Protein backbone atom coordinates (compact mmCIF):
# COMPACT_ATOMS: atom_id res chain seq x y z
CA MET A 1 20.71 35.21 -31.16
CA GLY A 2 19.30 31.85 -29.49
CA LEU A 3 19.71 28.17 -29.82
CA PHE A 4 16.43 25.84 -28.88
CA VAL A 5 16.61 22.22 -29.22
CA MET A 6 13.51 20.26 -29.94
CA ALA A 7 13.73 16.26 -29.54
CA ALA A 8 11.90 13.15 -28.62
CA ALA A 9 12.24 10.73 -25.62
CA LYS A 10 11.26 7.80 -28.00
CA GLY A 11 10.34 6.78 -31.57
CA SER A 12 8.49 9.53 -33.76
CA PRO A 13 5.96 11.22 -31.77
CA GLY A 14 5.47 13.85 -34.32
CA VAL A 15 8.93 16.02 -33.53
CA THR A 16 9.33 17.37 -37.25
CA THR A 17 5.56 18.34 -37.29
CA SER A 18 5.94 19.93 -34.12
CA ALA A 19 9.04 21.83 -35.19
CA VAL A 20 7.76 22.90 -38.29
CA ALA A 21 4.61 24.27 -36.12
CA LEU A 22 6.59 26.05 -33.15
CA ALA A 23 8.84 28.01 -35.99
CA GLY A 24 6.15 28.94 -38.01
CA SER A 25 4.72 30.55 -34.56
CA TRP A 26 8.01 31.89 -33.32
CA PRO A 27 8.38 35.52 -33.08
CA GLY A 28 10.77 37.67 -35.44
CA ASP A 29 12.45 35.40 -38.33
CA PRO A 30 13.83 32.13 -36.87
CA ILE A 31 15.80 28.93 -38.85
CA LEU A 32 14.62 25.79 -38.58
CA ALA A 33 17.51 23.17 -38.67
CA ASP A 34 16.88 19.98 -39.40
CA LEU A 35 19.66 17.92 -37.46
CA ASP A 36 17.78 14.22 -37.02
CA PRO A 37 20.79 12.04 -36.43
CA ALA A 38 18.18 9.05 -38.25
CA GLY A 39 18.08 11.20 -40.96
CA GLY A 40 15.95 14.01 -41.74
CA ASP A 41 12.13 14.44 -42.91
CA ILE A 42 12.19 18.00 -43.95
CA ALA A 43 13.22 17.30 -47.49
CA LEU A 44 10.79 14.36 -48.15
CA ARG A 45 7.82 16.14 -46.52
CA TYR A 46 7.84 19.76 -47.54
CA ARG A 47 8.22 21.75 -50.91
CA ASP A 48 9.91 25.22 -51.43
CA GLN A 49 7.56 28.29 -52.12
CA ALA A 50 7.10 27.34 -56.03
CA GLY A 51 6.08 23.84 -54.83
CA VAL A 52 9.50 22.32 -55.82
CA PRO A 53 11.00 19.62 -54.14
CA LEU A 54 13.69 20.92 -51.64
CA ASP A 55 17.35 20.18 -52.60
CA PRO A 56 18.91 17.86 -50.07
CA GLU A 57 22.23 18.45 -51.01
CA ARG A 58 21.79 22.02 -49.79
CA GLY A 59 21.40 22.51 -46.07
CA LEU A 60 23.40 20.57 -43.25
CA LEU A 61 25.32 18.69 -45.92
CA SER A 62 26.93 21.37 -47.70
CA LEU A 63 27.01 23.33 -44.59
CA GLY A 64 29.16 20.49 -42.70
CA ALA A 65 31.36 20.45 -45.78
CA ALA A 66 32.23 24.02 -46.12
CA VAL A 67 33.20 23.84 -42.03
CA ARG A 68 35.21 20.81 -42.82
CA ARG A 69 36.99 22.54 -45.47
CA GLY A 70 37.94 25.23 -42.85
CA SER A 71 36.40 27.75 -45.01
CA THR A 72 36.79 30.84 -43.12
CA GLU A 73 33.49 33.01 -44.10
CA VAL A 74 31.00 30.16 -43.70
CA GLN A 75 27.56 31.63 -43.82
CA LEU A 76 24.44 30.17 -42.61
CA GLY A 77 22.53 31.52 -44.82
CA ASP A 78 23.96 30.00 -47.82
CA HIS A 79 22.91 26.94 -46.84
CA VAL A 80 18.93 27.59 -46.15
CA GLN A 81 15.91 27.11 -48.41
CA MET A 82 12.50 28.61 -47.89
CA LEU A 83 9.48 26.52 -47.58
CA ALA A 84 6.02 27.40 -48.82
CA GLY A 85 4.82 29.65 -46.29
CA GLY A 86 8.03 31.70 -45.97
CA LEU A 87 10.04 29.43 -43.09
CA GLU A 88 13.77 29.27 -43.86
CA VAL A 89 15.40 25.98 -42.92
CA VAL A 90 18.36 24.08 -43.11
CA VAL A 91 17.49 20.49 -44.99
CA GLY A 92 18.90 17.50 -42.87
CA VAL A 93 21.26 14.66 -44.38
CA THR A 94 19.26 11.56 -45.52
CA SER A 95 20.95 8.62 -43.82
CA PRO A 96 22.91 8.20 -40.30
CA SER A 97 26.35 7.84 -41.58
CA GLN A 98 26.27 11.34 -43.38
CA VAL A 99 25.47 12.65 -39.69
CA GLN A 100 28.24 10.64 -38.32
CA GLY A 101 30.69 11.82 -41.44
CA LEU A 102 30.23 15.46 -40.52
CA GLY A 103 32.48 14.10 -37.06
CA PRO A 104 34.40 17.21 -35.05
CA ALA A 105 32.25 19.82 -37.15
CA TRP A 106 29.61 19.09 -34.91
CA GLN A 107 31.05 21.59 -32.35
CA HIS A 108 31.77 24.11 -35.01
CA LEU A 109 28.21 23.86 -36.32
CA ALA A 110 26.53 24.13 -32.54
CA ARG A 111 28.26 27.33 -32.05
CA MET A 112 27.11 28.98 -35.20
CA PHE A 113 23.36 28.12 -34.86
CA ARG A 114 23.75 29.71 -31.38
CA SER A 115 25.47 32.89 -32.83
CA VAL A 116 23.22 33.62 -36.00
CA PRO A 117 23.08 37.75 -35.83
CA GLY A 118 19.48 38.83 -35.19
CA ARG A 119 17.91 35.27 -35.59
CA ASP A 120 16.96 32.24 -33.60
CA VAL A 121 17.42 28.86 -34.64
CA ILE A 122 15.58 25.95 -33.62
CA ALA A 123 17.29 22.66 -33.88
CA ASP A 124 15.06 19.46 -34.81
CA CYS A 125 17.41 16.70 -33.29
CA GLY A 126 14.67 13.75 -33.75
CA ARG A 127 14.91 11.38 -30.90
CA LEU A 128 17.59 11.97 -28.15
CA MET A 129 19.63 9.47 -27.71
CA PRO A 130 23.05 8.46 -25.64
CA GLY A 131 26.29 9.12 -27.51
CA SER A 132 24.35 11.25 -30.28
CA ALA A 133 26.53 13.24 -32.90
CA THR A 134 24.18 16.13 -31.83
CA VAL A 135 25.19 16.25 -28.46
CA PRO A 136 27.29 19.63 -28.73
CA VAL A 137 23.99 21.19 -30.29
CA LEU A 138 22.09 20.23 -27.06
CA GLN A 139 24.87 21.41 -24.82
CA ASN A 140 25.07 24.85 -26.50
CA ALA A 141 21.33 25.08 -26.33
CA ASP A 142 19.66 27.76 -24.30
CA ALA A 143 16.47 25.57 -23.76
CA LEU A 144 15.55 21.84 -24.45
CA LEU A 145 11.96 21.07 -25.25
CA LEU A 146 11.18 17.44 -25.17
CA VAL A 147 7.87 16.30 -27.06
CA ALA A 148 6.08 13.40 -25.70
CA ARG A 149 2.79 11.65 -25.80
CA PRO A 150 1.23 11.47 -22.35
CA THR A 151 1.00 7.64 -22.29
CA VAL A 152 2.60 5.19 -20.03
CA GLU A 153 5.18 4.11 -22.43
CA GLY A 154 5.80 7.84 -23.69
CA LEU A 155 6.31 9.03 -19.91
CA SER A 156 7.95 6.34 -18.93
CA HIS A 157 10.74 7.25 -21.70
CA LEU A 158 10.63 10.76 -20.88
CA ARG A 159 11.83 10.09 -17.08
CA GLU A 160 14.50 7.91 -18.50
CA ARG A 161 15.95 10.29 -20.91
CA ILE A 162 15.95 13.25 -18.56
CA ARG A 163 17.90 11.12 -16.02
CA GLY A 164 20.22 9.87 -18.89
CA PHE A 165 21.27 13.14 -20.03
CA SER A 166 21.15 14.97 -16.61
CA GLU A 167 25.16 15.49 -16.72
CA VAL A 168 24.82 16.37 -20.48
CA LEU A 169 22.50 18.92 -19.63
CA GLN A 170 24.38 19.98 -16.02
CA LEU A 171 20.89 19.61 -14.11
CA GLY A 172 21.14 20.94 -10.65
CA THR A 173 24.12 23.39 -11.50
CA TYR A 174 23.86 27.28 -12.51
CA ASP A 175 25.13 26.13 -16.10
CA ALA A 176 22.17 23.83 -16.56
CA ILE A 177 20.23 23.60 -19.69
CA PRO A 178 16.28 24.30 -18.84
CA VAL A 179 14.48 21.34 -19.99
CA GLY A 180 10.66 21.98 -21.19
CA VAL A 181 8.21 19.35 -21.89
CA ALA A 182 5.68 19.72 -24.95
CA LEU A 183 2.58 16.92 -24.64
CA ILE A 184 1.00 16.13 -27.89
CA ALA A 185 -2.67 15.41 -27.20
CA SER A 186 -5.99 16.77 -27.64
CA TYR A 187 -6.43 20.55 -26.71
CA ARG A 188 -9.11 19.94 -24.36
CA ASP A 189 -6.96 17.67 -22.33
CA THR A 190 -5.82 20.39 -20.28
CA HIS A 191 -5.74 18.24 -17.32
CA VAL A 192 -2.64 16.24 -18.38
CA VAL A 193 -0.52 19.23 -17.96
CA SER A 194 -0.68 19.28 -14.24
CA GLU A 195 -0.57 15.56 -13.99
CA VAL A 196 2.31 15.05 -15.83
CA GLN A 197 4.11 17.79 -14.17
CA GLY A 198 3.29 15.90 -10.91
CA ILE A 199 4.76 12.50 -12.12
CA LEU A 200 7.94 14.81 -13.01
CA ASP A 201 8.25 16.52 -9.53
CA ARG A 202 7.59 13.38 -7.65
CA ALA A 203 10.78 11.85 -9.67
CA ARG A 204 12.91 14.72 -8.83
CA LEU A 205 13.48 15.44 -12.33
CA SER A 206 14.12 18.77 -13.28
CA ALA A 207 11.97 20.02 -16.19
CA THR A 208 8.77 21.83 -16.85
CA VAL A 209 5.72 20.65 -18.39
CA LEU A 210 5.03 24.01 -20.85
CA GLY A 211 1.81 22.99 -22.38
CA ILE A 212 -0.01 20.84 -24.79
CA LEU A 213 0.98 20.86 -28.51
CA ALA A 214 -2.65 20.08 -30.25
CA GLU A 215 -3.05 17.29 -32.58
CA ASP A 216 -4.21 18.53 -35.66
CA THR A 217 -3.85 16.50 -38.89
CA LYS A 218 -5.52 19.06 -41.25
CA ALA A 219 -3.79 21.97 -39.89
CA ALA A 220 -0.55 19.81 -39.94
CA GLU A 221 -1.13 19.34 -43.69
CA ALA A 222 -1.74 23.03 -44.66
CA VAL A 223 1.38 23.90 -42.73
CA ARG A 224 3.04 21.34 -45.21
CA THR A 225 1.37 22.38 -48.10
CA GLY A 226 1.75 26.33 -47.40
CA ASP A 227 -1.82 26.90 -46.89
CA GLY A 228 -1.21 29.91 -44.12
CA ARG A 229 -4.41 30.90 -44.15
CA LYS A 230 -5.92 27.50 -42.80
CA ALA A 231 -3.10 27.02 -40.60
CA ARG A 232 -2.87 30.44 -39.06
CA THR A 233 -5.98 29.78 -37.05
CA SER A 234 -5.60 26.22 -36.39
CA LEU A 235 -5.37 24.63 -32.67
CA LEU A 236 -1.84 23.62 -33.71
CA LEU A 237 -0.49 26.67 -34.37
CA ARG A 238 -2.28 28.51 -31.38
CA SER A 239 -0.61 25.91 -29.37
CA ALA A 240 2.63 26.35 -30.85
CA ALA A 241 2.46 29.87 -30.30
CA ASP A 242 1.81 29.50 -26.63
CA LEU A 243 4.53 26.90 -26.50
CA ALA A 244 6.96 29.27 -28.05
CA GLU A 245 6.50 32.02 -25.75
CA ARG A 246 6.58 29.72 -23.08
CA LEU A 247 9.89 28.19 -24.01
CA ARG A 248 11.30 31.66 -24.55
CA ALA A 249 10.14 32.27 -20.89
CA LEU A 250 11.89 29.50 -19.61
CA ALA A 251 15.34 30.30 -21.24
CA ARG A 252 15.19 33.92 -20.05
CA GLN A 253 14.50 32.61 -16.60
CA ASN A 254 17.29 30.41 -16.56
CA ALA A 255 19.54 32.67 -17.70
CA LYS A 256 18.85 35.42 -15.25
CA ALA A 257 19.15 32.56 -12.56
CA ALA A 258 22.29 31.81 -13.54
CA GLU A 259 23.54 35.30 -13.34
CA GLY A 260 22.16 35.39 -9.77
CA TRP A 261 24.01 32.37 -8.98
CA GLY A 262 27.11 33.53 -10.50
CA ALA A 263 27.26 36.68 -8.85
CA ALA A 264 26.64 34.96 -5.49
């Protein structure tokens, strides 16, 4: 079905926690792929349903190896693990060298992630950097969600990343990949959404601020340990559910606009 990429403009403003929250609030039965080029955090922070650490060898590393061997029947489902709470994940690699080692397999992986029958894939690509090995994933995305904090530094890097990736994202063309922004802030700070949108509009950047992802450390810990009862009613997952719907709507709107542009 669809491929939705999450990334940060600078450092680590909580992309992994945000990605787990978004995937956990996503309609249907999504798969979360940990594709951070700096090395994934899912295997370090989370456990499976039995409370056992995840296997770092089963995930992106095993999937990439199967693709490089030229296996004709590579199935993504053979390389996923299930977190406490029921979310299926593709565990990331542990070092940047392993990411680069996947080489040309990234093109195949990107197409695979976008075409999982009946399921969306949410890809955590960590920090968005020029020349990143994960650019093919970004180029195949139905939408990109950039996670940022509404600080002077955070918004400066957000603007520069959107500008720097405008060609990769084909912004301004009918094939453009829609860009959404999620702001990590207190859920009460609703004014920052319009303020940041105004900043992006004045800079003539094609991005839509979709909303706030609530800072909620207790809920993040409940998600990590699989305590669904505590997490389900939290501001974190409620805000993630709102963002999930808005991101999907952004992708749908963009697809319709592209169809209309192509027919014109």
